[in-house]
Amino acid sequence: MKPVYDGTTSDLNISSKYINCDDVLSTLLTCGIKCTVIPHKSVICNKNDCWIEPGCSVKLNGLSHKEINHKVWKPLQTQFNLNCAHLHIHGYYIGCILDFIRPTECK
């Protein structure tokens, strides 16, 4: 079944030590998702340490927010072993994707 497009713009930011944005783009192409993928680097910190991690900014062009979990997040999470991501659905939601899917799952 094709994804539903309603004109909503969303931004998903993912990062991982092993992520490659060309592979992210290919995964979303296979899923039939209209998007723009831009590589970036982030500083990630835990309680004792900080490091630089490669990542991808994914702009979802017009995809309904109801499609993000199953059509975008699940394939990316599985393919790239992601734990979390930052999601901005313009005019609707900003925060952890896990909290968007199921409140209070993010740590």
N, C-alpha and C. Protein backbone atom coordinates (compact mmCIF):
# COMPACT_ATOMS: atom_id res chain seq x y z
N MET A 1 0.84 -1.18 0.00
CA MET A 1 0.00 0.00 0.00
C MET A 1 0.88 1.25 0.00
N LYS A 2 0.54 2.20 -0.85
CA LYS A 2 1.32 3.43 -0.96
C LYS A 2 1.12 4.33 0.26
N PRO A 3 2.18 5.07 0.63
CA PRO A 3 2.06 6.03 1.74
C PRO A 3 1.03 7.12 1.42
N VAL A 4 0.43 7.67 2.45
CA VAL A 4 -0.56 8.74 2.31
C VAL A 4 0.15 10.09 2.46
N TYR A 5 -0.09 10.97 1.49
CA TYR A 5 0.49 12.30 1.52
C TYR A 5 -0.62 13.32 1.72
N ASP A 6 -0.42 14.22 2.72
CA ASP A 6 -1.44 15.24 3.01
C ASP A 6 -0.84 16.65 3.05
N GLY A 7 0.40 16.80 2.64
CA GLY A 7 1.04 18.11 2.61
C GLY A 7 1.81 18.48 3.86
N THR A 8 1.84 17.59 4.86
CA THR A 8 2.56 17.86 6.11
C THR A 8 4.07 17.77 5.86
N THR A 9 4.82 18.70 6.42
CA THR A 9 6.28 18.64 6.37
C THR A 9 6.79 18.19 7.72
N SER A 10 7.68 17.19 7.71
CA SER A 10 8.27 16.68 8.94
C SER A 10 9.77 16.54 8.76
N ASP A 11 10.50 16.69 9.87
CA ASP A 11 11.95 16.49 9.87
C ASP A 11 12.29 15.42 10.90
N LEU A 12 13.06 14.43 10.47
CA LEU A 12 13.52 13.37 11.35
C LEU A 12 15.04 13.41 11.36
N ASN A 13 15.63 13.53 12.55
CA ASN A 13 17.09 13.54 12.67
C ASN A 13 17.53 12.26 13.35
N ILE A 14 18.37 11.51 12.65
CA ILE A 14 18.87 10.23 13.15
C ILE A 14 20.39 10.28 13.18
N SER A 15 20.99 9.52 14.10
CA SER A 15 22.44 9.42 14.13
C SER A 15 22.84 8.06 14.69
N SER A 16 24.01 7.63 14.27
CA SER A 16 24.57 6.36 14.70
C SER A 16 26.03 6.34 14.29
N LYS A 17 26.85 5.62 15.02
CA LYS A 17 28.27 5.53 14.67
C LYS A 17 28.47 4.93 13.28
N TYR A 18 27.49 4.17 12.81
CA TYR A 18 27.67 3.40 11.57
C TYR A 18 26.71 3.81 10.46
N ILE A 19 26.07 4.94 10.59
CA ILE A 19 25.06 5.33 9.60
C ILE A 19 25.69 5.93 8.36
N ASN A 20 25.07 5.66 7.23
CA ASN A 20 25.48 6.21 5.94
C ASN A 20 24.23 6.80 5.30
N CYS A 21 24.23 8.09 5.02
CA CYS A 21 23.03 8.77 4.54
C CYS A 21 22.61 8.29 3.15
N ASP A 22 23.54 7.84 2.33
CA ASP A 22 23.16 7.27 1.03
C ASP A 22 22.34 6.00 1.24
N ASP A 23 22.69 5.21 2.25
CA ASP A 23 21.92 4.00 2.55
C ASP A 23 20.55 4.35 3.12
N VAL A 24 20.47 5.42 3.91
CA VAL A 24 19.18 5.89 4.43
C VAL A 24 18.29 6.30 3.26
N LEU A 25 18.84 7.05 2.32
CA LEU A 25 18.09 7.48 1.14
C LEU A 25 17.60 6.28 0.34
N SER A 26 18.46 5.29 0.15
CA SER A 26 18.08 4.08 -0.59
C SER A 26 16.96 3.31 0.11
N THR A 27 17.03 3.24 1.44
CA THR A 27 15.99 2.55 2.21
C THR A 27 14.65 3.26 2.03
N LEU A 28 14.65 4.59 2.11
CA LEU A 28 13.40 5.34 1.96
C LEU A 28 12.89 5.30 0.53
N LEU A 29 13.78 5.24 -0.44
CA LEU A 29 13.39 5.06 -1.84
C LEU A 29 12.64 3.74 -2.01
N THR A 30 13.20 2.68 -1.44
CA THR A 30 12.56 1.37 -1.50
C THR A 30 11.17 1.40 -0.87
N CYS A 31 11.00 2.21 0.18
CA CYS A 31 9.71 2.34 0.87
C CYS A 31 8.75 3.27 0.14
N GLY A 32 9.22 3.94 -0.91
CA GLY A 32 8.37 4.86 -1.66
C GLY A 32 8.10 6.17 -0.96
N ILE A 33 9.06 6.62 -0.13
CA ILE A 33 8.89 7.84 0.66
C ILE A 33 9.55 9.03 -0.05
N LYS A 34 8.78 10.09 -0.30
CA LYS A 34 9.33 11.33 -0.86
C LYS A 34 10.10 12.03 0.25
N CYS A 35 11.38 12.29 0.02
CA CYS A 35 12.19 12.87 1.10
C CYS A 35 13.44 13.53 0.56
N THR A 36 14.09 14.26 1.43
CA THR A 36 15.41 14.83 1.20
C THR A 36 16.27 14.37 2.37
N VAL A 37 17.46 13.87 2.10
CA VAL A 37 18.36 13.39 3.16
C VAL A 37 19.66 14.17 3.08
N ILE A 38 20.03 14.80 4.20
CA ILE A 38 21.24 15.61 4.27
C ILE A 38 22.12 15.07 5.40
N PRO A 39 23.40 14.77 5.10
CA PRO A 39 24.30 14.29 6.16
C PRO A 39 24.67 15.41 7.13
N HIS A 40 24.87 15.05 8.39
CA HIS A 40 25.34 16.00 9.40
C HIS A 40 26.16 15.24 10.45
N LYS A 41 26.76 15.99 11.35
CA LYS A 41 27.49 15.41 12.48
C LYS A 41 26.95 16.03 13.75
N SER A 42 26.81 15.22 14.79
CA SER A 42 26.27 15.67 16.06
C SER A 42 27.23 15.35 17.19
N VAL A 43 27.22 16.17 18.22
CA VAL A 43 27.92 15.85 19.45
C VAL A 43 26.91 15.15 20.36
N ILE A 44 27.23 13.93 20.75
CA ILE A 44 26.37 13.10 21.60
C ILE A 44 27.09 12.92 22.93
N CYS A 45 26.36 13.02 24.03
CA CYS A 45 26.97 12.87 25.35
C CYS A 45 26.15 11.93 26.22
N ASN A 46 26.85 11.16 27.04
CA ASN A 46 26.20 10.46 28.14
C ASN A 46 26.74 11.08 29.42
N LYS A 47 26.56 10.46 30.55
CA LYS A 47 26.98 11.06 31.82
C LYS A 47 28.48 11.30 31.91
N ASN A 48 29.28 10.46 31.27
CA ASN A 48 30.73 10.52 31.44
C ASN A 48 31.53 10.89 30.21
N ASP A 49 30.90 10.95 29.05
CA ASP A 49 31.68 11.06 27.83
C ASP A 49 30.87 11.76 26.74
N CYS A 50 31.56 12.42 25.81
CA CYS A 50 30.95 13.01 24.63
C CYS A 50 31.74 12.56 23.41
N TRP A 51 31.06 12.47 22.26
CA TRP A 51 31.70 12.05 21.03
C TRP A 51 30.95 12.65 19.84
N ILE A 52 31.61 12.61 18.68
CA ILE A 52 31.00 13.08 17.44
C ILE A 52 30.43 11.87 16.73
N GLU A 53 29.18 12.02 16.28
CA GLU A 53 28.50 10.90 15.63
C GLU A 53 27.91 11.38 14.30
N PRO A 54 28.11 10.63 13.22
CA PRO A 54 27.49 10.99 11.95
C PRO A 54 25.98 10.78 12.02
N GLY A 55 25.27 11.57 11.25
CA GLY A 55 23.82 11.43 11.23
C GLY A 55 23.24 11.94 9.93
N CYS A 56 21.91 11.86 9.85
CA CYS A 56 21.19 12.29 8.67
C CYS A 56 19.97 13.09 9.09
N SER A 57 19.76 14.20 8.42
CA SER A 57 18.53 14.96 8.56
C SER A 57 17.63 14.53 7.41
N VAL A 58 16.46 14.00 7.76
CA VAL A 58 15.52 13.49 6.76
C VAL A 58 14.31 14.40 6.73
N LYS A 59 14.09 15.08 5.61
CA LYS A 59 12.90 15.92 5.44
C LYS A 59 11.86 15.08 4.69
N LEU A 60 10.73 14.87 5.34
CA LEU A 60 9.64 14.09 4.76
C LEU A 60 8.70 15.07 4.08
N ASN A 61 8.63 14.99 2.78
CA ASN A 61 7.93 15.97 1.96
C ASN A 61 6.47 15.60 1.75
N GLY A 62 5.59 16.08 2.64
CA GLY A 62 4.16 15.92 2.46
C GLY A 62 3.55 14.68 3.07
N LEU A 63 4.35 13.83 3.69
CA LEU A 63 3.85 12.57 4.25
C LEU A 63 2.99 12.82 5.48
N SER A 64 1.83 12.18 5.55
CA SER A 64 0.97 12.28 6.72
C SER A 64 1.71 11.81 7.97
N HIS A 65 1.53 12.52 9.09
CA HIS A 65 2.21 12.12 10.32
C HIS A 65 1.78 10.72 10.78
N LYS A 66 0.62 10.27 10.35
CA LYS A 66 0.13 8.95 10.72
C LYS A 66 0.93 7.83 10.05
N GLU A 67 1.70 8.16 9.04
CA GLU A 67 2.49 7.18 8.29
C GLU A 67 3.93 7.04 8.80
N ILE A 68 4.38 7.99 9.62
CA ILE A 68 5.80 8.05 9.99
C ILE A 68 6.28 6.80 10.71
N ASN A 69 5.55 6.31 11.67
CA ASN A 69 6.00 5.15 12.44
C ASN A 69 6.22 3.93 11.54
N HIS A 70 5.21 3.54 10.80
CA HIS A 70 5.30 2.29 10.04
C HIS A 70 6.05 2.43 8.71
N LYS A 71 5.93 3.56 8.05
CA LYS A 71 6.53 3.71 6.72
C LYS A 71 7.95 4.27 6.74
N VAL A 72 8.32 4.96 7.84
CA VAL A 72 9.64 5.60 7.91
C VAL A 72 10.45 5.07 9.09
N TRP A 73 9.95 5.24 10.30
CA TRP A 73 10.72 4.90 11.49
C TRP A 73 11.05 3.41 11.58
N LYS A 74 10.06 2.55 11.45
CA LYS A 74 10.31 1.11 11.59
C LYS A 74 11.35 0.60 10.59
N PRO A 75 11.24 0.95 9.28
CA PRO A 75 12.28 0.50 8.35
C PRO A 75 13.68 1.04 8.68
N LEU A 76 13.76 2.32 9.07
CA LEU A 76 15.06 2.89 9.42
C LEU A 76 15.60 2.30 10.72
N GLN A 77 14.74 2.15 11.70
CA GLN A 77 15.15 1.58 12.99
C GLN A 77 15.71 0.17 12.79
N THR A 78 15.03 -0.63 12.00
CA THR A 78 15.47 -2.00 11.75
C THR A 78 16.76 -2.03 10.94
N GLN A 79 16.81 -1.27 9.86
CA GLN A 79 17.97 -1.30 8.96
C GLN A 79 19.24 -0.79 9.63
N PHE A 80 19.12 0.24 10.48
CA PHE A 80 20.30 0.90 11.02
C PHE A 80 20.44 0.74 12.53
N ASN A 81 19.63 -0.12 13.13
CA ASN A 81 19.71 -0.43 14.56
C ASN A 81 19.65 0.85 15.41
N LEU A 82 18.65 1.68 15.14
CA LEU A 82 18.50 2.96 15.84
C LEU A 82 17.71 2.79 17.12
N ASN A 83 18.10 3.55 18.14
CA ASN A 83 17.41 3.52 19.43
C ASN A 83 16.38 4.64 19.56
N CYS A 84 16.68 5.78 18.97
CA CYS A 84 15.83 6.94 19.12
C CYS A 84 16.12 7.91 17.98
N ALA A 85 15.31 8.94 17.86
CA ALA A 85 15.51 9.98 16.86
C ALA A 85 14.73 11.21 17.30
N HIS A 86 15.08 12.36 16.74
CA HIS A 86 14.35 13.58 17.02
C HIS A 86 13.40 13.84 15.85
N LEU A 87 12.14 14.09 16.17
CA LEU A 87 11.10 14.29 15.17
C LEU A 87 10.47 15.67 15.33
N HIS A 88 10.33 16.37 14.21
CA HIS A 88 9.60 17.65 14.20
C HIS A 88 8.55 17.56 13.09
N ILE A 89 7.30 17.46 13.49
CA ILE A 89 6.18 17.51 12.55
C ILE A 89 5.68 18.95 12.62
N HIS A 90 5.92 19.72 11.59
CA HIS A 90 5.66 21.15 11.60
C HIS A 90 4.21 21.44 11.99
N GLY A 91 4.07 22.27 13.04
CA GLY A 91 2.77 22.67 13.52
C GLY A 91 2.04 21.63 14.36
N TYR A 92 2.72 20.52 14.69
CA TYR A 92 2.02 19.44 15.39
C TYR A 92 2.81 18.83 16.55
N TYR A 93 4.11 18.56 16.35
CA TYR A 93 4.87 17.85 17.38
C TYR A 93 6.37 18.13 17.21
N ILE A 94 7.07 18.25 18.35
CA ILE A 94 8.53 18.34 18.36
C ILE A 94 9.01 17.51 19.55
N GLY A 95 9.93 16.56 19.30
CA GLY A 95 10.51 15.79 20.39
C GLY A 95 10.98 14.42 19.96
N CYS A 96 11.12 13.55 20.93
CA CYS A 96 11.58 12.18 20.71
C CYS A 96 10.55 11.40 19.90
N ILE A 97 10.99 10.68 18.89
CA ILE A 97 10.05 9.89 18.08
C ILE A 97 9.37 8.81 18.91
N LEU A 98 10.06 8.29 19.89
CA LEU A 98 9.46 7.24 20.72
C LEU A 98 8.32 7.81 21.56
N ASP A 99 8.45 9.06 22.00
CA ASP A 99 7.36 9.71 22.73
C ASP A 99 6.19 10.03 21.79
N PHE A 100 6.48 10.28 20.53
CA PHE A 100 5.42 10.51 19.55
C PHE A 100 4.63 9.22 19.32
N ILE A 101 5.35 8.11 19.22
CA ILE A 101 4.71 6.81 18.96
C ILE A 101 3.97 6.31 20.19
N ARG A 102 4.65 6.39 21.32
CA ARG A 102 4.08 5.88 22.59
C ARG A 102 4.68 6.74 23.71
N PRO A 103 3.89 7.63 24.28
CA PRO A 103 4.41 8.58 25.29
C PRO A 103 5.25 7.94 26.40
N THR A 104 6.28 8.68 26.78
CA THR A 104 7.20 8.36 27.89
C THR A 104 8.11 7.16 27.66
N GLU A 105 8.35 6.77 26.43
CA GLU A 105 9.30 5.69 26.18
C GLU A 105 10.74 6.18 26.15
N CYS A 106 10.96 7.46 25.81
CA CYS A 106 12.32 8.00 25.75
C CYS A 106 12.88 8.15 27.16
N LYS A 107 14.21 7.99 27.25
CA LYS A 107 14.89 8.17 28.54
C LYS A 107 15.50 9.55 28.59
